Amino acid sequence: MSMSSCEISIAHTLSRDLALRDVASSFMDRIEARNHTEVTIDFAGVETITRSFAHEYLTRKARSSLIIREVNVPNDVARMFKVIEHSERNPRFEGLRTSKAILL
């Protein structure tokens, strides 16, 4: 199978302000529907990103069979990605899911 690739400007395709989990989800749906094995997302021009958009984007990227790379990632976007990655590795309430509820 030959590697086919494409580059997508996320600011041009969506907006300079990336918000809403649903928008990230539909963006990833469109990427995965393309006939490519490698996709480069160009973040040039992006001014803001919400935590929910970043979380959905990174979650879908991790589950994707595609090779997805980012270029021209602004500092604020990179910091938000790091916040998401850190919170996934170090949950705030360790053991919460295994705790038993008590009746008061």
PDB file of N, CA and C in Angstrom:
ATOM      1  N   MET A   1       0.850  -1.174   0.000  1.00  0.00           N
ATOM      2  CA  MET A   1       0.000   0.000   0.000  1.00  0.00           C
ATOM      3  C   MET A   1       0.895   1.236   0.000  1.00  0.00           C
ATOM      4  N   SER A   2       0.621   2.146  -0.891  1.00  0.00           N
ATOM      5  CA  SER A   2       1.436   3.358  -0.959  1.00  0.00           C
ATOM      6  C   SER A   2       0.927   4.380   0.045  1.00  0.00           C
ATOM      7  N   MET A   3       1.880   5.141   0.561  1.00  0.00           N
ATOM      8  CA  MET A   3       1.520   6.180   1.523  1.00  0.00           C
ATOM      9  C   MET A   3       0.993   7.389   0.759  1.00  0.00           C
ATOM     10  N   SER A   4      -0.194   7.823   1.083  1.00  0.00           N
ATOM     11  CA  SER A   4      -0.704   9.057   0.511  1.00  0.00           C
ATOM     12  C   SER A   4      -0.891  10.043   1.653  1.00  0.00           C
ATOM     13  N   SER A   5      -0.568  11.289   1.377  1.00  0.00           N
ATOM     14  CA  SER A   5      -0.637  12.278   2.445  1.00  0.00           C
ATOM     15  C   SER A   5      -1.302  13.554   1.960  1.00  0.00           C
ATOM     16  N   CYS A   6      -1.737  14.341   2.923  1.00  0.00           N
ATOM     17  CA  CYS A   6      -2.309  15.644   2.618  1.00  0.00           C
ATOM     18  C   CYS A   6      -2.042  16.581   3.785  1.00  0.00           C
ATOM     19  N   GLU A   7      -2.158  17.876   3.526  1.00  0.00           N
ATOM     20  CA  GLU A   7      -2.005  18.889   4.572  1.00  0.00           C
ATOM     21  C   GLU A   7      -3.278  19.716   4.620  1.00  0.00           C
ATOM     22  N   ILE A   8      -3.753  19.959   5.840  1.00  0.00           N
ATOM     23  CA  ILE A   8      -4.995  20.701   6.036  1.00  0.00           C
ATOM     24  C   ILE A   8      -4.732  21.880   6.960  1.00  0.00           C
ATOM     25  N   SER A   9      -5.147  23.066   6.528  1.00  0.00           N
ATOM     26  CA  SER A   9      -5.077  24.250   7.379  1.00  0.00           C
ATOM     27  C   SER A   9      -6.335  24.269   8.240  1.00  0.00           C
ATOM     28  N   ILE A  10      -6.153  24.034   9.536  1.00  0.00           N
ATOM     29  CA  ILE A  10      -7.315  23.946  10.425  1.00  0.00           C
ATOM     30  C   ILE A  10      -7.985  25.314  10.610  1.00  0.00           C
ATOM     31  N   ALA A  11      -7.195  26.392  10.596  1.00  0.00           N
ATOM     32  CA  ALA A  11      -7.774  27.738  10.732  1.00  0.00           C
ATOM     33  C   ALA A  11      -8.628  28.076   9.516  1.00  0.00           C
ATOM     34  N   HIS A  12      -8.171  27.670   8.336  1.00  0.00           N
ATOM     35  CA  HIS A  12      -8.921  27.940   7.108  1.00  0.00           C
ATOM     36  C   HIS A  12     -10.152  27.031   7.014  1.00  0.00           C
ATOM     37  N   THR A  13      -9.995  25.778   7.407  1.00  0.00           N
ATOM     38  CA  THR A  13     -11.087  24.811   7.308  1.00  0.00           C
ATOM     39  C   THR A  13     -12.179  25.066   8.339  1.00  0.00           C
ATOM     40  N   LEU A  14     -11.776  25.393   9.570  1.00  0.00           N
ATOM     41  CA  LEU A  14     -12.752  25.595  10.645  1.00  0.00           C
ATOM     42  C   LEU A  14     -12.850  27.055  11.049  1.00  0.00           C
ATOM     43  N   SER A  15     -11.859  27.505  11.796  1.00  0.00           N
ATOM     44  CA  SER A  15     -11.878  28.857  12.351  1.00  0.00           C
ATOM     45  C   SER A  15     -10.537  29.141  13.009  1.00  0.00           C
ATOM     46  N   ARG A  16     -10.256  30.405  13.251  1.00  0.00           N
ATOM     47  CA  ARG A  16      -9.054  30.774  14.001  1.00  0.00           C
ATOM     48  C   ARG A  16      -9.247  30.494  15.493  1.00  0.00           C
ATOM     49  N   ASP A  17     -10.496  30.350  15.899  1.00  0.00           N
ATOM     50  CA  ASP A  17     -10.850  30.062  17.288  1.00  0.00           C
ATOM     51  C   ASP A  17     -11.498  28.680  17.338  1.00  0.00           C
ATOM     52  N   LEU A  18     -10.757  27.715  17.849  1.00  0.00           N
ATOM     53  CA  LEU A  18     -11.216  26.326  17.867  1.00  0.00           C
ATOM     54  C   LEU A  18     -11.959  26.044  19.166  1.00  0.00           C
ATOM     55  N   ALA A  19     -13.250  25.800  19.039  1.00  0.00           N
ATOM     56  CA  ALA A  19     -14.090  25.579  20.217  1.00  0.00           C
ATOM     57  C   ALA A  19     -15.076  24.453  19.931  1.00  0.00           C
ATOM     58  N   LEU A  20     -15.570  23.851  20.963  1.00  0.00           N
ATOM     59  CA  LEU A  20     -16.620  22.842  20.965  1.00  0.00           C
ATOM     60  C   LEU A  20     -16.123  21.447  20.573  1.00  0.00           C
ATOM     61  N   ARG A  21     -16.443  20.526  21.421  1.00  0.00           N
ATOM     62  CA  ARG A  21     -16.096  19.110  21.220  1.00  0.00           C
ATOM     63  C   ARG A  21     -16.703  18.577  19.922  1.00  0.00           C
ATOM     64  N   ASP A  22     -17.950  18.951  19.632  1.00  0.00           N
ATOM     65  CA  ASP A  22     -18.618  18.467  18.421  1.00  0.00           C
ATOM     66  C   ASP A  22     -17.915  18.924  17.152  1.00  0.00           C
ATOM     67  N   VAL A  23     -17.382  20.135  17.166  1.00  0.00           N
ATOM     68  CA  VAL A  23     -16.657  20.646  16.001  1.00  0.00           C
ATOM     69  C   VAL A  23     -15.386  19.830  15.787  1.00  0.00           C
ATOM     70  N   ALA A  24     -14.669  19.540  16.864  1.00  0.00           N
ATOM     71  CA  ALA A  24     -13.457  18.715  16.763  1.00  0.00           C
ATOM     72  C   ALA A  24     -13.806  17.321  16.261  1.00  0.00           C
ATOM     73  N   SER A  25     -14.900  16.775  16.759  1.00  0.00           N
ATOM     74  CA  SER A  25     -15.320  15.437  16.354  1.00  0.00           C
ATOM     75  C   SER A  25     -15.660  15.380  14.868  1.00  0.00           C
ATOM     76  N   SER A  26     -16.423  16.349  14.380  1.00  0.00           N
ATOM     77  CA  SER A  26     -16.778  16.343  12.956  1.00  0.00           C
ATOM     78  C   SER A  26     -15.557  16.615  12.081  1.00  0.00           C
ATOM     79  N   PHE A  27     -14.622  17.437  12.568  1.00  0.00           N
ATOM     80  CA  PHE A  27     -13.371  17.672  11.837  1.00  0.00           C
ATOM     81  C   PHE A  27     -12.598  16.362  11.698  1.00  0.00           C
ATOM     82  N   MET A  28     -12.482  15.613  12.782  1.00  0.00           N
ATOM     83  CA  MET A  28     -11.765  14.337  12.734  1.00  0.00           C
ATOM     84  C   MET A  28     -12.506  13.324  11.862  1.00  0.00           C
ATOM     85  N   ASP A  29     -13.836  13.355  11.865  1.00  0.00           N
ATOM     86  CA  ASP A  29     -14.608  12.481  10.970  1.00  0.00           C
ATOM     87  C   ASP A  29     -14.251  12.762   9.515  1.00  0.00           C
ATOM     88  N   ARG A  30     -14.155  14.040   9.166  1.00  0.00           N
ATOM     89  CA  ARG A  30     -13.821  14.410   7.783  1.00  0.00           C
ATOM     90  C   ARG A  30     -12.411  13.979   7.416  1.00  0.00           C
ATOM     91  N   ILE A  31     -11.476  14.106   8.355  1.00  0.00           N
ATOM     92  CA  ILE A  31     -10.095  13.685   8.094  1.00  0.00           C
ATOM     93  C   ILE A  31     -10.040  12.179   7.855  1.00  0.00           C
ATOM     94  N   GLU A  32     -10.726  11.431   8.698  1.00  0.00           N
ATOM     95  CA  GLU A  32     -10.687   9.972   8.582  1.00  0.00           C
ATOM     96  C   GLU A  32     -11.430   9.467   7.350  1.00  0.00           C
ATOM     97  N   ALA A  33     -12.352  10.264   6.811  1.00  0.00           N
ATOM     98  CA  ALA A  33     -13.086   9.868   5.612  1.00  0.00           C
ATOM     99  C   ALA A  33     -12.259  10.060   4.340  1.00  0.00           C
ATOM    100  N   ARG A  34     -11.201  10.849   4.418  1.00  0.00           N
ATOM    101  CA  ARG A  34     -10.341  11.063   3.248  1.00  0.00           C
ATOM    102  C   ARG A  34      -9.558   9.796   2.943  1.00  0.00           C
ATOM    103  N   ASN A  35      -9.130   9.694   1.716  1.00  0.00           N
ATOM    104  CA  ASN A  35      -8.389   8.514   1.288  1.00  0.00           C
ATOM    105  C   ASN A  35      -6.885   8.747   1.437  1.00  0.00           C
ATOM    106  N   HIS A  36      -6.453   9.021   2.667  1.00  0.00           N
ATOM    107  CA  HIS A  36      -5.036   9.259   2.950  1.00  0.00           C
ATOM    108  C   HIS A  36      -4.633   8.433   4.160  1.00  0.00           C
ATOM    109  N   THR A  37      -3.344   8.130   4.233  1.00  0.00           N
ATOM    110  CA  THR A  37      -2.837   7.405   5.397  1.00  0.00           C
ATOM    111  C   THR A  37      -2.066   8.327   6.329  1.00  0.00           C
ATOM    112  N   GLU A  38      -1.658   9.470   5.790  1.00  0.00           N
ATOM    113  CA  GLU A  38      -0.885  10.444   6.556  1.00  0.00           C
ATOM    114  C   GLU A  38      -1.499  11.823   6.373  1.00  0.00           C
ATOM    115  N   VAL A  39      -1.738  12.517   7.481  1.00  0.00           N
ATOM    116  CA  VAL A  39      -2.351  13.843   7.419  1.00  0.00           C
ATOM    117  C   VAL A  39      -1.537  14.801   8.283  1.00  0.00           C
ATOM    118  N   THR A  40      -1.234  15.962   7.721  1.00  0.00           N
ATOM    119  CA  THR A  40      -0.558  17.018   8.467  1.00  0.00           C
ATOM    120  C   THR A  40      -1.572  18.128   8.707  1.00  0.00           C
ATOM    121  N   ILE A  41      -1.752  18.474   9.977  1.00  0.00           N
ATOM    122  CA  ILE A  41      -2.669  19.551  10.341  1.00  0.00           C
ATOM    123  C   ILE A  41      -1.834  20.799  10.591  1.00  0.00           C
ATOM    124  N   ASP A  42      -2.090  21.839   9.805  1.00  0.00           N
ATOM    125  CA  ASP A  42      -1.372  23.106   9.939  1.00  0.00           C
ATOM    126  C   ASP A  42      -2.188  24.029  10.844  1.00  0.00           C
ATOM    127  N   PHE A  43      -1.611  24.364  11.998  1.00  0.00           N
ATOM    128  CA  PHE A  43      -2.289  25.210  12.978  1.00  0.00           C
ATOM    129  C   PHE A  43      -1.952  26.697  12.809  1.00  0.00           C
ATOM    130  N   ALA A  44      -1.279  27.074  11.738  1.00  0.00           N
ATOM    131  CA  ALA A  44      -0.948  28.485  11.506  1.00  0.00           C
ATOM    132  C   ALA A  44      -2.236  29.307  11.486  1.00  0.00           C
ATOM    133  N   GLY A  45      -2.231  30.419  12.185  1.00  0.00           N
ATOM    134  CA  GLY A  45      -3.390  31.299  12.214  1.00  0.00           C
ATOM    135  C   GLY A  45      -4.381  31.015  13.328  1.00  0.00           C
ATOM    136  N   VAL A  46      -4.221  29.905  14.025  1.00  0.00           N
ATOM    137  CA  VAL A  46      -5.128  29.597  15.135  1.00  0.00           C
ATOM    138  C   VAL A  46      -4.802  30.524  16.299  1.00  0.00           C
ATOM    139  N   GLU A  47      -5.821  31.167  16.837  1.00  0.00           N
ATOM    140  CA  GLU A  47      -5.625  32.113  17.940  1.00  0.00           C
ATOM    141  C   GLU A  47      -5.996  31.525  19.290  1.00  0.00           C
ATOM    142  N   THR A  48      -7.081  30.733  19.334  1.00  0.00           N
ATOM    143  CA  THR A  48      -7.501  30.141  20.605  1.00  0.00           C
ATOM    144  C   THR A  48      -7.977  28.712  20.385  1.00  0.00           C
ATOM    145  N   ILE A  49      -7.910  27.930  21.470  1.00  0.00           N
ATOM    146  CA  ILE A  49      -8.430  26.568  21.455  1.00  0.00           C
ATOM    147  C   ILE A  49      -9.010  26.291  22.839  1.00  0.00           C
ATOM    148  N   THR A  50     -10.193  25.715  22.874  1.00  0.00           N
ATOM    149  CA  THR A  50     -10.790  25.384  24.165  1.00  0.00           C
ATOM    150  C   THR A  50     -10.293  24.021  24.627  1.00  0.00           C
ATOM    151  N   ARG A  51     -10.436  23.797  25.910  1.00  0.00           N
ATOM    152  CA  ARG A  51     -10.022  22.515  26.476  1.00  0.00           C
ATOM    153  C   ARG A  51     -10.834  21.367  25.865  1.00  0.00           C
ATOM    154  N   SER A  52     -12.124  21.584  25.665  1.00  0.00           N
ATOM    155  CA  SER A  52     -12.965  20.513  25.117  1.00  0.00           C
ATOM    156  C   SER A  52     -12.578  20.177  23.680  1.00  0.00           C
ATOM    157  N   PHE A  53     -12.260  21.192  22.873  1.00  0.00           N
ATOM    158  CA  PHE A  53     -11.820  20.932  21.500  1.00  0.00           C
ATOM    159  C   PHE A  53     -10.505  20.166  21.521  1.00  0.00           C
ATOM    160  N   ALA A  54      -9.552  20.636  22.329  1.00  0.00           N
ATOM    161  CA  ALA A  54      -8.239  19.992  22.401  1.00  0.00           C
ATOM    162  C   ALA A  54      -8.359  18.553  22.876  1.00  0.00           C
ATOM    163  N   HIS A  55      -9.191  18.312  23.882  1.00  0.00           N
ATOM    164  CA  HIS A  55      -9.362  16.956  24.408  1.00  0.00           C
ATOM    165  C   HIS A  55      -9.928  16.018  23.344  1.00  0.00           C
ATOM    166  N   GLU A  56     -10.967  16.458  22.658  1.00  0.00           N
ATOM    167  CA  GLU A  56     -11.576  15.619  21.616  1.00  0.00           C
ATOM    168  C   GLU A  56     -10.593  15.366  20.477  1.00  0.00           C
ATOM    169  N   TYR A  57      -9.884  16.403  20.058  1.00  0.00           N
ATOM    170  CA  TYR A  57      -8.900  16.260  18.980  1.00  0.00           C
ATOM    171  C   TYR A  57      -7.833  15.233  19.357  1.00  0.00           C
ATOM    172  N   LEU A  58      -7.251  15.365  20.544  1.00  0.00           N
ATOM    173  CA  LEU A  58      -6.183  14.450  20.966  1.00  0.00           C
ATOM    174  C   LEU A  58      -6.702  13.031  21.191  1.00  0.00           C
ATOM    175  N   THR A  59      -7.909  12.898  21.723  1.00  0.00           N
ATOM    176  CA  THR A  59      -8.498  11.574  21.932  1.00  0.00           C
ATOM    177  C   THR A  59      -8.729  10.869  20.604  1.00  0.00           C
ATOM    178  N   ARG A  60      -9.318  11.589  19.663  1.00  0.00           N
ATOM    179  CA  ARG A  60      -9.583  10.999  18.342  1.00  0.00           C
ATOM    180  C   ARG A  60      -8.290  10.714  17.596  1.00  0.00           C
ATOM    181  N   LYS A  61      -7.302  11.584  17.739  1.00  0.00           N
ATOM    182  CA  LYS A  61      -6.004  11.363  17.093  1.00  0.00           C
ATOM    183  C   LYS A  61      -5.370  10.075  17.620  1.00  0.00           C
ATOM    184  N   ALA A  62      -5.433   9.865  18.924  1.00  0.00           N
ATOM    185  CA  ALA A  62      -4.839   8.672  19.538  1.00  0.00           C
ATOM    186  C   ALA A  62      -5.534   7.393  19.068  1.00  0.00           C
ATOM    187  N   ARG A  63      -6.824   7.455  18.810  1.00  0.00           N
ATOM    188  CA  ARG A  63      -7.578   6.274  18.372  1.00  0.00           C
ATOM    189  C   ARG A  63      -7.513   6.042  16.870  1.00  0.00           C
ATOM    190  N   SER A  64      -7.059   7.028  16.125  1.00  0.00           N
ATOM    191  CA  SER A  64      -7.067   6.950  14.668  1.00  0.00           C
ATOM    192  C   SER A  64      -5.996   6.001  14.142  1.00  0.00           C
ATOM    193  N   SER A  65      -6.300   5.372  13.028  1.00  0.00           N
ATOM    194  CA  SER A  65      -5.310   4.525  12.360  1.00  0.00           C
ATOM    195  C   SER A  65      -4.406   5.353  11.447  1.00  0.00           C
ATOM    196  N   LEU A  66      -4.745   6.622  11.271  1.00  0.00           N
ATOM    197  CA  LEU A  66      -3.945   7.510  10.427  1.00  0.00           C
ATOM    198  C   LEU A  66      -2.720   8.021  11.176  1.00  0.00           C
ATOM    199  N   ILE A  67      -1.720   8.410  10.428  1.00  0.00           N
ATOM    200  CA  ILE A  67      -0.575   9.118  10.998  1.00  0.00           C
ATOM    201  C   ILE A  67      -0.931  10.600  10.906  1.00  0.00           C
ATOM    202  N   ILE A  68      -1.127  11.234  12.054  1.00  0.00           N
ATOM    203  CA  ILE A  68      -1.535  12.641  12.085  1.00  0.00           C
ATOM    204  C   ILE A  68      -0.440  13.443  12.760  1.00  0.00           C
ATOM    205  N   ARG A  69       0.029  14.467  12.056  1.00  0.00           N
ATOM    206  CA  ARG A  69       1.078  15.344  12.583  1.00  0.00           C
ATOM    207  C   ARG A  69       0.564  16.774  12.606  1.00  0.00           C
ATOM    208  N   GLU A  70       1.122  17.558  13.528  1.00  0.00           N
ATOM    209  CA  GLU A  70       0.783  18.971  13.605  1.00  0.00           C
ATOM    210  C   GLU A  70       2.005  19.805  13.239  1.00  0.00           C
ATOM    211  N   VAL A  71       1.779  20.900  12.528  1.00  0.00           N
ATOM    212  CA  VAL A  71       2.840  21.864  12.228  1.00  0.00           C
ATOM    213  C   VAL A  71       2.338  23.261  12.567  1.00  0.00           C
ATOM    214  N   ASN A  72       3.285  24.168  12.769  1.00  0.00           N
ATOM    215  CA  ASN A  72       2.971  25.579  13.047  1.00  0.00           C
ATOM    216  C   ASN A  72       1.996  25.740  14.215  1.00  0.00           C
ATOM    217  N   VAL A  73       2.233  24.972  15.272  1.00  0.00           N
ATOM    218  CA  VAL A  73       1.350  25.008  16.438  1.00  0.00           C
ATOM    219  C   VAL A  73       1.713  26.212  17.309  1.00  0.00           C
ATOM    220  N   PRO A  74       0.780  27.160  17.495  1.00  0.00           N
ATOM    221  CA  PRO A  74       1.053  28.314  18.354  1.00  0.00           C
ATOM    222  C   PRO A  74       1.316  27.875  19.801  1.00  0.00           C
ATOM    223  N   ASN A  75       2.050  28.688  20.534  1.00  0.00           N
ATOM    224  CA  ASN A  75       2.408  28.359  21.917  1.00  0.00           C
ATOM    225  C   ASN A  75       1.194  28.071  22.794  1.00  0.00           C
ATOM    226  N   ASP A  76       0.138  28.871  22.662  1.00  0.00           N
ATOM    227  CA  ASP A  76      -1.058  28.661  23.489  1.00  0.00           C
ATOM    228  C   ASP A  76      -1.720  27.313  23.199  1.00  0.00           C
ATOM    229  N   VAL A  77      -1.738  26.925  21.941  1.00  0.00           N
ATOM    230  CA  VAL A  77      -2.320  25.635  21.565  1.00  0.00           C
ATOM    231  C   VAL A  77      -1.446  24.501  22.093  1.00  0.00           C
ATOM    232  N   ALA A  78      -0.137  24.638  21.950  1.00  0.00           N
ATOM    233  CA  ALA A  78       0.789  23.616  22.459  1.00  0.00           C
ATOM    234  C   ALA A  78       0.646  23.455  23.969  1.00  0.00           C
ATOM    235  N   ARG A  79       0.479  24.571  24.673  1.00  0.00           N
ATOM    236  CA  ARG A  79       0.291  24.496  26.130  1.00  0.00           C
ATOM    237  C   ARG A  79      -1.008  23.778  26.486  1.00  0.00           C
ATOM    238  N   MET A  80      -2.062  24.044  25.739  1.00  0.00           N
ATOM    239  CA  MET A  80      -3.335  23.364  26.003  1.00  0.00           C
ATOM    240  C   MET A  80      -3.195  21.866  25.754  1.00  0.00           C
ATOM    241  N   PHE A  81      -2.496  21.479  24.694  1.00  0.00           N
ATOM    242  CA  PHE A  81      -2.261  20.056  24.434  1.00  0.00           C
ATOM    243  C   PHE A  81      -1.503  19.424  25.601  1.00  0.00           C
ATOM    244  N   LYS A  82      -0.522  20.138  26.149  1.00  0.00           N
ATOM    245  CA  LYS A  82       0.239  19.610  27.287  1.00  0.00           C
ATOM    246  C   LYS A  82      -0.641  19.469  28.523  1.00  0.00           C
ATOM    247  N   VAL A  83      -1.541  20.418  28.744  1.00  0.00           N
ATOM    248  CA  VAL A  83      -2.474  20.338  29.877  1.00  0.00           C
ATOM    249  C   VAL A  83      -3.323  19.074  29.752  1.00  0.00           C
ATOM    250  N   ILE A  84      -3.839  18.821  28.563  1.00  0.00           N
ATOM    251  CA  ILE A  84      -4.676  17.640  28.329  1.00  0.00           C
ATOM    252  C   ILE A  84      -3.863  16.368  28.547  1.00  0.00           C
ATOM    253  N   GLU A  85      -2.687  16.311  27.964  1.00  0.00           N
ATOM    254  CA  GLU A  85      -1.846  15.119  28.100  1.00  0.00           C
ATOM    255  C   GLU A  85      -1.463  14.882  29.557  1.00  0.00           C
ATOM    256  N   HIS A  86      -1.178  15.943  30.295  1.00  0.00           N
ATOM    257  CA  HIS A  86      -0.815  15.811  31.709  1.00  0.00           C
ATOM    258  C   HIS A  86      -2.000  15.297  32.528  1.00  0.00           C
ATOM    259  N   SER A  87      -3.190  15.823  32.256  1.00  0.00           N
ATOM    260  CA  SER A  87      -4.367  15.404  33.025  1.00  0.00           C
ATOM    261  C   SER A  87      -4.746  13.957  32.728  1.00  0.00           C
ATOM    262  N   GLU A  88      -4.442  13.476  31.534  1.00  0.00           N
ATOM    263  CA  GLU A  88      -4.714  12.074  31.201  1.00  0.00           C
ATOM    264  C   GLU A  88      -3.751  11.153  31.944  1.00  0.00           C
ATOM    265  N   ARG A  89      -2.504  11.570  32.074  1.00  0.00           N
ATOM    266  CA  ARG A  89      -1.495  10.750  32.760  1.00  0.00           C
ATOM    267  C   ARG A  89      -1.633  10.825  34.271  1.00  0.00           C
ATOM    268  N   ASN A  90      -2.065  11.968  34.787  1.00  0.00           N
ATOM    269  CA  ASN A  90      -2.154  12.193  36.229  1.00  0.00           C
ATOM    270  C   ASN A  90      -3.558  12.649  36.605  1.00  0.00           C
ATOM    271  N   PRO A  91      -4.504  11.711  36.714  1.00  0.00           N
ATOM    272  CA  PRO A  91      -5.873  12.109  37.051  1.00  0.00           C
ATOM    273  C   PRO A  91      -5.925  12.852  38.382  1.00  0.00           C
ATOM    274  N   ARG A  92      -6.777  13.842  38.447  1.00  0.00           N
ATOM    275  CA  ARG A  92      -6.875  14.680  39.636  1.00  0.00           C
ATOM    276  C   ARG A  92      -7.378  13.894  40.844  1.00  0.00           C
ATOM    277  N   PHE A  93      -8.326  13.012  40.635  1.00  0.00           N
ATOM    278  CA  PHE A  93      -8.917  12.247  41.730  1.00  0.00           C
ATOM    279  C   PHE A  93      -8.598  10.771  41.539  1.00  0.00           C
ATOM    280  N   GLU A  94      -7.365  10.415  41.848  1.00  0.00           N
ATOM    281  CA  GLU A  94      -6.898   9.035  41.696  1.00  0.00           C
ATOM    282  C   GLU A  94      -7.794   8.083  42.482  1.00  0.00           C
ATOM    283  N   GLY A  95      -8.225   7.016  41.865  1.00  0.00           N
ATOM    284  CA  GLY A  95      -9.029   6.011  42.537  1.00  0.00           C
ATOM    285  C   GLY A  95     -10.505   6.335  42.637  1.00  0.00           C
ATOM    286  N   LEU A  96     -10.942   7.441  42.066  1.00  0.00           N
ATOM    287  CA  LEU A  96     -12.347   7.837  42.177  1.00  0.00           C
ATOM    288  C   LEU A  96     -13.278   6.783  41.582  1.00  0.00           C
ATOM    289  N   ARG A  97     -12.895   6.215  40.466  1.00  0.00           N
ATOM    290  CA  ARG A  97     -13.761   5.237  39.804  1.00  0.00           C
ATOM    291  C   ARG A  97     -13.869   3.934  40.586  1.00  0.00           C
ATOM    292  N   THR A  98     -12.890   3.633  41.410  1.00  0.00           N
ATOM    293  CA  THR A  98     -12.925   2.381  42.171  1.00  0.00           C
ATOM    294  C   THR A  98     -13.503   2.577  43.568  1.00  0.00           C
ATOM    295  N   SER A  99     -13.820   3.812  43.924  1.00  0.00           N
ATOM    296  CA  SER A  99     -14.384   4.095  45.246  1.00  0.00           C
ATOM    297  C   SER A  99     -15.841   3.658  45.303  1.00  0.00           C
ATOM    298  N   LYS A 100     -16.266   3.281  46.497  1.00  0.00           N
ATOM    299  CA  LYS A 100     -17.661   2.907  46.700  1.00  0.00           C
ATOM    300  C   LYS A 100     -18.426   4.112  47.231  1.00  0.00           C
ATOM    301  N   ALA A 101     -19.652   4.235  46.767  1.00  0.00           N
ATOM    302  CA  ALA A 101     -20.518   5.304  47.259  1.00  0.00           C
ATOM    303  C   ALA A 101     -21.045   4.909  48.633  1.00  0.00           C
ATOM    304  N   ILE A 102     -21.221   5.890  49.483  1.00  0.00           N
ATOM    305  CA  ILE A 102     -21.791   5.626  50.807  1.00  0.00           C
ATOM    306  C   ILE A 102     -23.066   6.436  50.965  1.00  0.00           C
ATOM    307  N   LEU A 103     -23.993   5.887  51.698  1.00  0.00           N
ATOM    308  CA  LEU A 103     -25.239   6.597  51.978  1.00  0.00           C
ATOM    309  C   LEU A 103     -25.085   7.355  53.278  1.00  0.00           C
ATOM    310  N   LEU A 104     -25.492   8.578  53.266  1.00  0.00           N
ATOM    311  CA  LEU A 104     -25.416   9.398  54.478  1.00  0.00           C
ATOM    312  C   LEU A 104     -26.771   9.535  55.117  1.00  0.00           C
TER     313      LEU A 104
END
